[in-house]
Amino acid sequence: MTNTRSFDRLTRDSRSTPHARAVIAEAPIAIEVNGIGYAVMMATPQDIADFATGFALAERIVTAAGEIESLDVHDTPRGTIVRLTVPPARAAAVRDRVRRRTSDSSCGLCGMDNLDAVHRDLPRVPAATVAPAAIFAALAAMRAHQPLNRATGAAHAALLCAHDGTIRVAREDVGRHNAFDKLIGAMARQALGWDGGFALLSSRCSYELVEKAALAGCPMLVTVSAATSLALDRAAAAGLTLVSLARDDAVLFSRPVR
């Protein structure tokens, strides 16, 4: 999703010319769960149902897309509101989480809750059996599945790649986390599995992306830029194979100990 804005294009020799360019859309997406305001995320307002589904899975609001009883998207002049309905048992956990997040405490316990959340247990993922040739094939095909980035130069991509590197599903967003949420949500809503394949992201690898991959059962996460130390630690804990600094000529493997 883009709109066109006018700029002054300044060259090295100080010449200035008018220049029109597509600009990526970024807008607030408010997510409500059973009437409770849960989060406001800044995202590109497209594939919203996929985004909300993937976000709910990553936040452990639900464990499967089928637990979302309804998902309604409402566009407003100031942004988008997504209203999710989940079973009462799930809603109770949401209420507790929101209460902890918004409580005003000087004792540091709320901060400790957040620190504990960073190190919460992750499920073990299946072993990856992807050949390096498949990774290079996906990298070569990646740009063709990034129309939003080609138009704006400002979008991250998250791709579901088959075992041979064929790209099955692609999602884009101004934020790398949002793009991955959209991909995971799209897979959940279409009942698609990894089927021996892997995820390819156009970003660096942070621990949050590792957590999203592990919760989605992804056996291998490939990122164009490098992984952080915590991402490597969390991937090892989940048995997730990380491939970082993925470029046309070489990739960097981090294989988990099993």
C-alpha atoms as a PDB file:
ATOM      1  CA  MET A   1       0.000   0.000   0.000  1.00  0.00           C
ATOM      2  CA  THR A   2       1.537   3.275  -1.140  1.00  0.00           C
ATOM      3  CA  ASN A   3       0.829   6.882  -1.949  1.00  0.00           C
ATOM      4  CA  THR A   4       2.816   9.335  -4.052  1.00  0.00           C
ATOM      5  CA  ARG A   5       4.641  12.299  -2.529  1.00  0.00           C
ATOM      6  CA  SER A   6       6.665  15.110  -4.071  1.00  0.00           C
ATOM      7  CA  PHE A   7      10.351  15.632  -3.240  1.00  0.00           C
ATOM      8  CA  ASP A   8      13.272  17.730  -4.394  1.00  0.00           C
ATOM      9  CA  ARG A   9      15.959  15.490  -5.893  1.00  0.00           C
ATOM     10  CA  LEU A  10      19.424  16.892  -5.201  1.00  0.00           C
ATOM     11  CA  THR A  11      22.381  15.526  -7.163  1.00  0.00           C
ATOM     12  CA  ARG A  12      26.077  15.556  -6.310  1.00  0.00           C
ATOM     13  CA  ASP A  13      26.621  18.608  -8.507  1.00  0.00           C
ATOM     14  CA  SER A  14      23.951  20.519  -6.494  1.00  0.00           C
ATOM     15  CA  ARG A  15      21.271  20.423  -9.174  1.00  0.00           C
ATOM     16  CA  SER A  16      17.734  20.165  -7.807  1.00  0.00           C
ATOM     17  CA  THR A  17      14.772  18.749  -9.734  1.00  0.00           C
ATOM     18  CA  PRO A  18      11.198  17.879  -8.731  1.00  0.00           C
ATOM     19  CA  HIS A  19      10.759  14.180  -8.051  1.00  0.00           C
ATOM     20  CA  ALA A  20       7.594  12.143  -7.365  1.00  0.00           C
ATOM     21  CA  ARG A  21       8.034   8.889  -5.487  1.00  0.00           C
ATOM     22  CA  ALA A  22       5.858   6.172  -4.016  1.00  0.00           C
ATOM     23  CA  VAL A  23       5.912   6.176  -0.209  1.00  0.00           C
ATOM     24  CA  ILE A  24       5.011   3.150   1.894  1.00  0.00           C
ATOM     25  CA  ALA A  25       1.957   3.500   4.128  1.00  0.00           C
ATOM     26  CA  GLU A  26       2.401   3.290   7.889  1.00  0.00           C
ATOM     27  CA  ALA A  27      -0.597   3.545  10.192  1.00  0.00           C
ATOM     28  CA  PRO A  28      -1.731   2.506  13.674  1.00  0.00           C
ATOM     29  CA  ILE A  29      -3.431  -0.888  13.952  1.00  0.00           C
ATOM     30  CA  ALA A  30      -5.324  -1.220  17.237  1.00  0.00           C
ATOM     31  CA  ILE A  31      -5.953  -4.812  18.315  1.00  0.00           C
ATOM     32  CA  GLU A  32      -8.810  -5.579  20.696  1.00  0.00           C
ATOM     33  CA  VAL A  33      -9.445  -9.008  22.201  1.00  0.00           C
ATOM     34  CA  ASN A  34     -12.971  -9.663  23.518  1.00  0.00           C
ATOM     35  CA  GLY A  35     -13.449  -5.928  23.864  1.00  0.00           C
ATOM     36  CA  ILE A  36     -10.149  -5.348  25.691  1.00  0.00           C
ATOM     37  CA  GLY A  37      -7.625  -2.995  24.109  1.00  0.00           C
ATOM     38  CA  TYR A  38      -4.509  -5.171  23.834  1.00  0.00           C
ATOM     39  CA  ALA A  39      -1.988  -3.333  21.636  1.00  0.00           C
ATOM     40  CA  VAL A  40      -1.515  -0.622  19.040  1.00  0.00           C
ATOM     41  CA  MET A  41       0.999  -1.556  16.368  1.00  0.00           C
ATOM     42  CA  MET A  42       2.439   0.606  13.602  1.00  0.00           C
ATOM     43  CA  ALA A  43       2.163  -1.348  10.365  1.00  0.00           C
ATOM     44  CA  THR A  44       1.427  -1.192   6.665  1.00  0.00           C
ATOM     45  CA  PRO A  45      -2.382  -1.436   6.437  1.00  0.00           C
ATOM     46  CA  GLN A  46      -2.694  -4.401   4.094  1.00  0.00           C
ATOM     47  CA  ASP A  47      -3.230  -8.106   4.792  1.00  0.00           C
ATOM     48  CA  ILE A  48      -4.647  -7.015   8.156  1.00  0.00           C
ATOM     49  CA  ALA A  49      -6.473 -10.268   8.919  1.00  0.00           C
ATOM     50  CA  ASP A  50      -3.242 -12.190   8.340  1.00  0.00           C
ATOM     51  CA  PHE A  51      -1.371  -9.737  10.563  1.00  0.00           C
ATOM     52  CA  ALA A  52      -3.873  -9.948  13.425  1.00  0.00           C
ATOM     53  CA  THR A  53      -3.920 -13.757  13.274  1.00  0.00           C
ATOM     54  CA  GLY A  54      -0.141 -14.024  13.277  1.00  0.00           C
ATOM     55  CA  PHE A  55       0.120 -11.463  16.070  1.00  0.00           C
ATOM     56  CA  ALA A  56      -2.366 -13.403  18.215  1.00  0.00           C
ATOM     57  CA  LEU A  57      -0.346 -16.594  17.698  1.00  0.00           C
ATOM     58  CA  ALA A  58       2.974 -14.885  18.449  1.00  0.00           C
ATOM     59  CA  GLU A  59       1.560 -13.288  21.598  1.00  0.00           C
ATOM     60  CA  ARG A  60       0.195 -16.705  22.667  1.00  0.00           C
ATOM     61  CA  ILE A  61      -3.312 -15.252  22.840  1.00  0.00           C
ATOM     62  CA  VAL A  62      -4.336 -18.355  20.894  1.00  0.00           C
ATOM     63  CA  THR A  63      -2.495 -21.534  19.965  1.00  0.00           C
ATOM     64  CA  ALA A  64      -4.230 -22.064  16.623  1.00  0.00           C
ATOM     65  CA  ALA A  65      -6.118 -19.893  14.154  1.00  0.00           C
ATOM     66  CA  GLY A  66      -9.251 -21.973  14.793  1.00  0.00           C
ATOM     67  CA  GLU A  67      -9.444 -20.557  18.325  1.00  0.00           C
ATOM     68  CA  ILE A  68     -10.226 -17.123  16.882  1.00  0.00           C
ATOM     69  CA  GLU A  69     -14.009 -17.160  16.843  1.00  0.00           C
ATOM     70  CA  SER A  70     -14.322 -13.930  14.887  1.00  0.00           C
ATOM     71  CA  LEU A  71     -12.012 -11.314  13.393  1.00  0.00           C
ATOM     72  CA  ASP A  72     -13.461  -7.972  12.289  1.00  0.00           C
ATOM     73  CA  VAL A  73     -11.459  -5.191  10.640  1.00  0.00           C
ATOM     74  CA  HIS A  74     -12.727  -1.597  10.925  1.00  0.00           C
ATOM     75  CA  ASP A  75     -11.029   1.209   9.016  1.00  0.00           C
ATOM     76  CA  THR A  76     -11.246   4.676  10.546  1.00  0.00           C
ATOM     77  CA  PRO A  77      -9.786   8.047   9.503  1.00  0.00           C
ATOM     78  CA  ARG A  78      -7.098   7.660  12.198  1.00  0.00           C
ATOM     79  CA  GLY A  79      -6.171   4.019  11.645  1.00  0.00           C
ATOM     80  CA  THR A  80      -7.522   0.479  11.733  1.00  0.00           C
ATOM     81  CA  ILE A  81      -9.217  -1.361  14.587  1.00  0.00           C
ATOM     82  CA  VAL A  82      -9.127  -5.158  14.629  1.00  0.00           C
ATOM     83  CA  ARG A  83     -11.590  -6.852  16.970  1.00  0.00           C
ATOM     84  CA  LEU A  84     -10.833 -10.472  17.869  1.00  0.00           C
ATOM     85  CA  THR A  85     -13.148 -12.797  19.733  1.00  0.00           C
ATOM     86  CA  VAL A  86     -11.541 -15.755  21.505  1.00  0.00           C
ATOM     87  CA  PRO A  87     -12.886 -18.368  23.978  1.00  0.00           C
ATOM     88  CA  PRO A  88     -13.408 -17.161  27.576  1.00  0.00           C
ATOM     89  CA  ALA A  89     -10.458 -19.177  28.872  1.00  0.00           C
ATOM     90  CA  ARG A  90      -8.136 -17.354  26.474  1.00  0.00           C
ATOM     91  CA  ALA A  91      -9.705 -13.979  27.267  1.00  0.00           C
ATOM     92  CA  ALA A  92      -8.958 -14.436  30.983  1.00  0.00           C
ATOM     93  CA  ALA A  93      -5.233 -14.688  30.241  1.00  0.00           C
ATOM     94  CA  VAL A  94      -5.455 -11.575  28.078  1.00  0.00           C
ATOM     95  CA  ARG A  95      -7.083  -9.619  30.900  1.00  0.00           C
ATOM     96  CA  ASP A  96      -4.354 -10.665  33.333  1.00  0.00           C
ATOM     97  CA  ARG A  97      -1.616  -9.686  30.886  1.00  0.00           C
ATOM     98  CA  VAL A  98      -3.131  -6.278  30.163  1.00  0.00           C
ATOM     99  CA  ARG A  99      -3.603  -5.663  33.894  1.00  0.00           C
ATOM    100  CA  ARG A 100       0.079  -6.394  34.588  1.00  0.00           C
ATOM    101  CA  ARG A 101       1.200  -4.250  31.679  1.00  0.00           C
ATOM    102  CA  THR A 102      -0.787  -1.184  32.717  1.00  0.00           C
ATOM    103  CA  SER A 103      -0.312  -1.418  36.505  1.00  0.00           C
ATOM    104  CA  ASP A 104       1.744   1.314  38.156  1.00  0.00           C
ATOM    105  CA  SER A 105       4.307  -0.342  40.412  1.00  0.00           C
ATOM    106  CA  SER A 106       7.495   1.039  41.955  1.00  0.00           C
ATOM    107  CA  CYS A 107       8.707  -2.358  43.198  1.00  0.00           C
ATOM    108  CA  GLY A 108      10.093  -3.531  39.863  1.00  0.00           C
ATOM    109  CA  LEU A 109       7.912  -6.648  39.698  1.00  0.00           C
ATOM    110  CA  CYS A 110       6.319  -5.610  36.423  1.00  0.00           C
ATOM    111  CA  GLY A 111       9.764  -5.155  34.928  1.00  0.00           C
ATOM    112  CA  MET A 112      10.742  -8.582  36.276  1.00  0.00           C
ATOM    113  CA  ASP A 113       7.677 -10.071  34.574  1.00  0.00           C
ATOM    114  CA  ASN A 114       8.889  -8.604  31.290  1.00  0.00           C
ATOM    115  CA  LEU A 115      12.399 -10.005  31.808  1.00  0.00           C
ATOM    116  CA  ASP A 116      10.962 -13.441  32.554  1.00  0.00           C
ATOM    117  CA  ALA A 117       8.890 -13.242  29.362  1.00  0.00           C
ATOM    118  CA  VAL A 118      12.064 -12.857  27.296  1.00  0.00           C
ATOM    119  CA  HIS A 119      13.277 -16.228  28.596  1.00  0.00           C
ATOM    120  CA  ARG A 120       9.991 -18.123  28.626  1.00  0.00           C
ATOM    121  CA  ASP A 121      10.056 -21.676  27.308  1.00  0.00           C
ATOM    122  CA  LEU A 122       9.835 -22.240  23.577  1.00  0.00           C
ATOM    123  CA  PRO A 123       8.569 -25.386  21.854  1.00  0.00           C
ATOM    124  CA  ARG A 124      11.134 -27.593  20.124  1.00  0.00           C
ATOM    125  CA  VAL A 125      10.873 -27.421  16.352  1.00  0.00           C
ATOM    126  CA  PRO A 126      11.447 -30.227  13.818  1.00  0.00           C
ATOM    127  CA  ALA A 127      14.942 -30.803  12.493  1.00  0.00           C
ATOM    128  CA  ALA A 128      15.759 -28.893   9.295  1.00  0.00           C
ATOM    129  CA  THR A 129      16.790 -30.922   6.242  1.00  0.00           C
ATOM    130  CA  VAL A 130      17.054 -28.127   3.679  1.00  0.00           C
ATOM    131  CA  ALA A 131      19.887 -28.244   1.144  1.00  0.00           C
ATOM    132  CA  PRO A 132      21.989 -25.081   0.667  1.00  0.00           C
ATOM    133  CA  ALA A 133      20.942 -24.983  -3.005  1.00  0.00           C
ATOM    134  CA  ALA A 134      17.340 -24.373  -1.900  1.00  0.00           C
ATOM    135  CA  ILE A 135      18.387 -21.343   0.143  1.00  0.00           C
ATOM    136  CA  PHE A 136      20.264 -19.825  -2.781  1.00  0.00           C
ATOM    137  CA  ALA A 137      17.278 -20.503  -5.068  1.00  0.00           C
ATOM    138  CA  ALA A 138      14.940 -18.683  -2.684  1.00  0.00           C
ATOM    139  CA  LEU A 139      17.350 -15.752  -2.367  1.00  0.00           C
ATOM    140  CA  ALA A 140      17.510 -15.465  -6.154  1.00  0.00           C
ATOM    141  CA  ALA A 141      13.700 -15.398  -6.395  1.00  0.00           C
ATOM    142  CA  MET A 142      13.120 -13.119  -3.409  1.00  0.00           C
ATOM    143  CA  ARG A 143      13.098  -9.754  -5.201  1.00  0.00           C
ATOM    144  CA  ALA A 144      10.354 -10.877  -7.593  1.00  0.00           C
ATOM    145  CA  HIS A 145       8.078 -11.324  -4.553  1.00  0.00           C
ATOM    146  CA  GLN A 146       8.714  -7.842  -3.109  1.00  0.00           C
ATOM    147  CA  PRO A 147       6.544  -5.456  -5.163  1.00  0.00           C
ATOM    148  CA  LEU A 148       6.031  -3.075  -2.247  1.00  0.00           C
ATOM    149  CA  ASN A 149       9.756  -2.794  -1.601  1.00  0.00           C
ATOM    150  CA  ARG A 150      10.495  -2.316  -5.300  1.00  0.00           C
ATOM    151  CA  ALA A 151       8.063   0.606  -5.368  1.00  0.00           C
ATOM    152  CA  THR A 152       9.151   2.260  -2.124  1.00  0.00           C
ATOM    153  CA  GLY A 153      12.497   0.834  -0.973  1.00  0.00           C
ATOM    154  CA  ALA A 154      11.041   0.673   2.546  1.00  0.00           C
ATOM    155  CA  ALA A 155       9.357  -2.711   3.034  1.00  0.00           C
ATOM    156  CA  HIS A 156      10.531  -5.900   4.690  1.00  0.00           C
ATOM    157  CA  ALA A 157       9.498  -9.281   3.308  1.00  0.00           C
ATOM    158  CA  ALA A 158       8.725 -12.611   4.928  1.00  0.00           C
ATOM    159  CA  LEU A 159       8.530 -15.630   2.639  1.00  0.00           C
ATOM    160  CA  LEU A 160       7.391 -19.218   3.028  1.00  0.00           C
ATOM    161  CA  CYS A 161       9.816 -21.289   0.959  1.00  0.00           C
ATOM    162  CA  ALA A 162       9.323 -24.877  -0.115  1.00  0.00           C
ATOM    163  CA  HIS A 163      11.925 -27.601   0.425  1.00  0.00           C
ATOM    164  CA  ASP A 164      13.454 -26.812  -2.994  1.00  0.00           C
ATOM    165  CA  GLY A 165      13.463 -23.038  -2.448  1.00  0.00           C
ATOM    166  CA  THR A 166      10.289 -22.282  -4.404  1.00  0.00           C
ATOM    167  CA  ILE A 167       8.453 -19.345  -2.818  1.00  0.00           C
ATOM    168  CA  ARG A 168       4.935 -20.374  -1.804  1.00  0.00           C
ATOM    169  CA  VAL A 169       3.645 -17.312   0.112  1.00  0.00           C
ATOM    170  CA  ALA A 170       5.038 -13.786   0.542  1.00  0.00           C
ATOM    171  CA  ARG A 171       4.008 -10.902   2.773  1.00  0.00           C
ATOM    172  CA  GLU A 172       5.454  -7.386   3.109  1.00  0.00           C
ATOM    173  CA  ASP A 173       5.306  -4.660   5.733  1.00  0.00           C
ATOM    174  CA  VAL A 174       7.208  -1.598   6.880  1.00  0.00           C
ATOM    175  CA  GLY A 175       8.188  -3.605   9.984  1.00  0.00           C
ATOM    176  CA  ARG A 176      10.094  -6.883   9.904  1.00  0.00           C
ATOM    177  CA  HIS A 177       8.120  -8.310  12.840  1.00  0.00           C
ATOM    178  CA  ASN A 178       4.839  -7.359  11.187  1.00  0.00           C
ATOM    179  CA  ALA A 179       5.841  -8.988   7.903  1.00  0.00           C
ATOM    180  CA  PHE A 180       6.576 -12.257   9.709  1.00  0.00           C
ATOM    181  CA  ASP A 181       3.299 -12.039  11.654  1.00  0.00           C
ATOM    182  CA  LYS A 182       1.492 -11.586   8.328  1.00  0.00           C
ATOM    183  CA  LEU A 183       3.200 -14.622   6.836  1.00  0.00           C
ATOM    184  CA  ILE A 184       2.488 -16.819   9.860  1.00  0.00           C
ATOM    185  CA  GLY A 185      -1.096 -15.569   9.947  1.00  0.00           C
ATOM    186  CA  ALA A 186      -1.578 -16.258   6.248  1.00  0.00           C
ATOM    187  CA  MET A 187      -0.257 -19.788   6.701  1.00  0.00           C
ATOM    188  CA  ALA A 188      -2.539 -20.396   9.677  1.00  0.00           C
ATOM    189  CA  ARG A 189      -5.624 -19.043   7.918  1.00  0.00           C
ATOM    190  CA  GLN A 190      -4.905 -21.149   4.807  1.00  0.00           C
ATOM    191  CA  ALA A 191      -3.936 -24.239   6.852  1.00  0.00           C
ATOM    192  CA  LEU A 192      -0.462 -24.327   5.273  1.00  0.00           C
ATOM    193  CA  GLY A 193       2.401 -26.162   6.942  1.00  0.00           C
ATOM    194  CA  TRP A 194       6.155 -25.816   6.559  1.00  0.00           C
ATOM    195  CA  ASP A 195       6.294 -29.222   4.852  1.00  0.00           C
ATOM    196  CA  GLY A 196      10.064 -29.438   5.109  1.00  0.00           C
ATOM    197  CA  GLY A 197      10.519 -25.844   3.953  1.00  0.00           C
ATOM    198  CA  PHE A 198      11.749 -22.706   5.694  1.00  0.00           C
ATOM    199  CA  ALA A 199      11.157 -18.994   6.287  1.00  0.00           C
ATOM    200  CA  LEU A 200      13.192 -16.312   4.526  1.00  0.00           C
ATOM    201  CA  LEU A 201      13.214 -12.769   5.946  1.00  0.00           C
ATOM    202  CA  SER A 202      14.743  -9.641   4.430  1.00  0.00           C
ATOM    203  CA  SER A 203      15.948  -8.381   7.816  1.00  0.00           C
ATOM    204  CA  ARG A 204      18.436  -9.064  10.578  1.00  0.00           C
ATOM    205  CA  CYS A 205      17.542 -11.839  13.014  1.00  0.00           C
ATOM    206  CA  SER A 206      16.393 -10.637  16.431  1.00  0.00           C
ATOM    207  CA  TYR A 207      15.218 -12.844  19.283  1.00  0.00           C
ATOM    208  CA  GLU A 208      11.571 -11.861  18.648  1.00  0.00           C
ATOM    209  CA  LEU A 209      11.749 -13.318  15.143  1.00  0.00           C
ATOM    210  CA  VAL A 210      13.228 -16.523  16.535  1.00  0.00           C
ATOM    211  CA  GLU A 211      10.344 -16.762  19.015  1.00  0.00           C
ATOM    212  CA  LYS A 212       7.768 -16.248  16.256  1.00  0.00           C
ATOM    213  CA  ALA A 213       9.450 -18.954  14.180  1.00  0.00           C
ATOM    214  CA  ALA A 214       9.586 -21.424  17.067  1.00  0.00           C
ATOM    215  CA  LEU A 215       5.954 -20.848  18.043  1.00  0.00           C
ATOM    216  CA  ALA A 216       4.969 -21.407  14.414  1.00  0.00           C
ATOM    217  CA  GLY A 217       6.935 -24.686  14.265  1.00  0.00           C
ATOM    218  CA  CYS A 218       9.356 -23.380  11.640  1.00  0.00           C
ATOM    219  CA  PRO A 219      12.406 -25.687  11.334  1.00  0.00           C
ATOM    220  CA  MET A 220      14.732 -23.155   9.658  1.00  0.00           C
ATOM    221  CA  LEU A 221      14.847 -19.356   9.692  1.00  0.00           C
ATOM    222  CA  VAL A 222      16.922 -17.601   7.022  1.00  0.00           C
ATOM    223  CA  THR A 223      17.655 -13.871   7.327  1.00  0.00           C
ATOM    224  CA  VAL A 224      19.530 -11.566   4.977  1.00  0.00           C
ATOM    225  CA  SER A 225      21.406  -9.835   7.808  1.00  0.00           C
ATOM    226  CA  ALA A 226      23.102 -11.131  10.937  1.00  0.00           C
ATOM    227  CA  ALA A 227      21.631 -12.663  14.087  1.00  0.00           C
ATOM    228  CA  THR A 228      21.990 -11.203  17.573  1.00  0.00           C
ATOM    229  CA  SER A 229      23.478 -13.156  20.480  1.00  0.00           C
ATOM    230  CA  LEU A 230      20.092 -13.611  22.141  1.00  0.00           C
ATOM    231  CA  ALA A 231      18.575 -14.792  18.860  1.00  0.00           C
ATOM    232  CA  LEU A 232      21.275 -17.468  18.634  1.00  0.00           C
ATOM    233  CA  ASP A 233      20.697 -18.529  22.245  1.00  0.00           C
ATOM    234  CA  ARG A 234      16.932 -18.727  21.844  1.00  0.00           C
ATOM    235  CA  ALA A 235      17.237 -20.627  18.556  1.00  0.00           C
ATOM    236  CA  ALA A 236      19.505 -23.179  20.229  1.00  0.00           C
ATOM    237  CA  ALA A 237      16.956 -23.622  23.021  1.00  0.00           C
ATOM    238  CA  ALA A 238      14.224 -24.350  20.466  1.00  0.00           C
ATOM    239  CA  GLY A 239      16.342 -26.529  18.173  1.00  0.00           C
ATOM    240  CA  LEU A 240      15.821 -23.980  15.396  1.00  0.00           C
ATOM    241  CA  THR A 241      18.409 -23.814  12.614  1.00  0.00           C
ATOM    242  CA  LEU A 242      19.388 -20.219  11.846  1.00  0.00           C
ATOM    243  CA  VAL A 243      20.910 -19.139   8.550  1.00  0.00           C
ATOM    244  CA  SER A 244      22.052 -15.529   8.650  1.00  0.00           C
ATOM    245  CA  LEU A 245      24.010 -13.142   6.441  1.00  0.00           C
ATOM    246  CA  ALA A 246      22.286 -14.931   3.577  1.00  0.00           C
ATOM    247  CA  ARG A 247      23.727 -13.508   0.387  1.00  0.00           C
ATOM    248  CA  ASP A 248      24.034 -14.673  -3.215  1.00  0.00           C
ATOM    249  CA  ASP A 249      27.510 -16.137  -2.694  1.00  0.00           C
ATOM    250  CA  ALA A 250      27.482 -17.493   0.872  1.00  0.00           C
ATOM    251  CA  VAL A 251      25.367 -18.033   3.996  1.00  0.00           C
ATOM    252  CA  LEU A 252      26.219 -18.503   7.685  1.00  0.00           C
ATOM    253  CA  PHE A 253      24.724 -21.580   9.371  1.00  0.00           C
ATOM    254  CA  SER A 254      24.110 -21.937  13.102  1.00  0.00           C
ATOM    255  CA  ARG A 255      23.071 -25.525  13.707  1.00  0.00           C
ATOM    256  CA  PRO A 256      21.404 -26.373  17.038  1.00  0.00           C
ATOM    257  CA  VAL A 257      22.669 -29.169  19.243  1.00  0.00           C
ATOM    258  CA  ARG A 258      20.172 -32.032  19.318  1.00  0.00           C
END
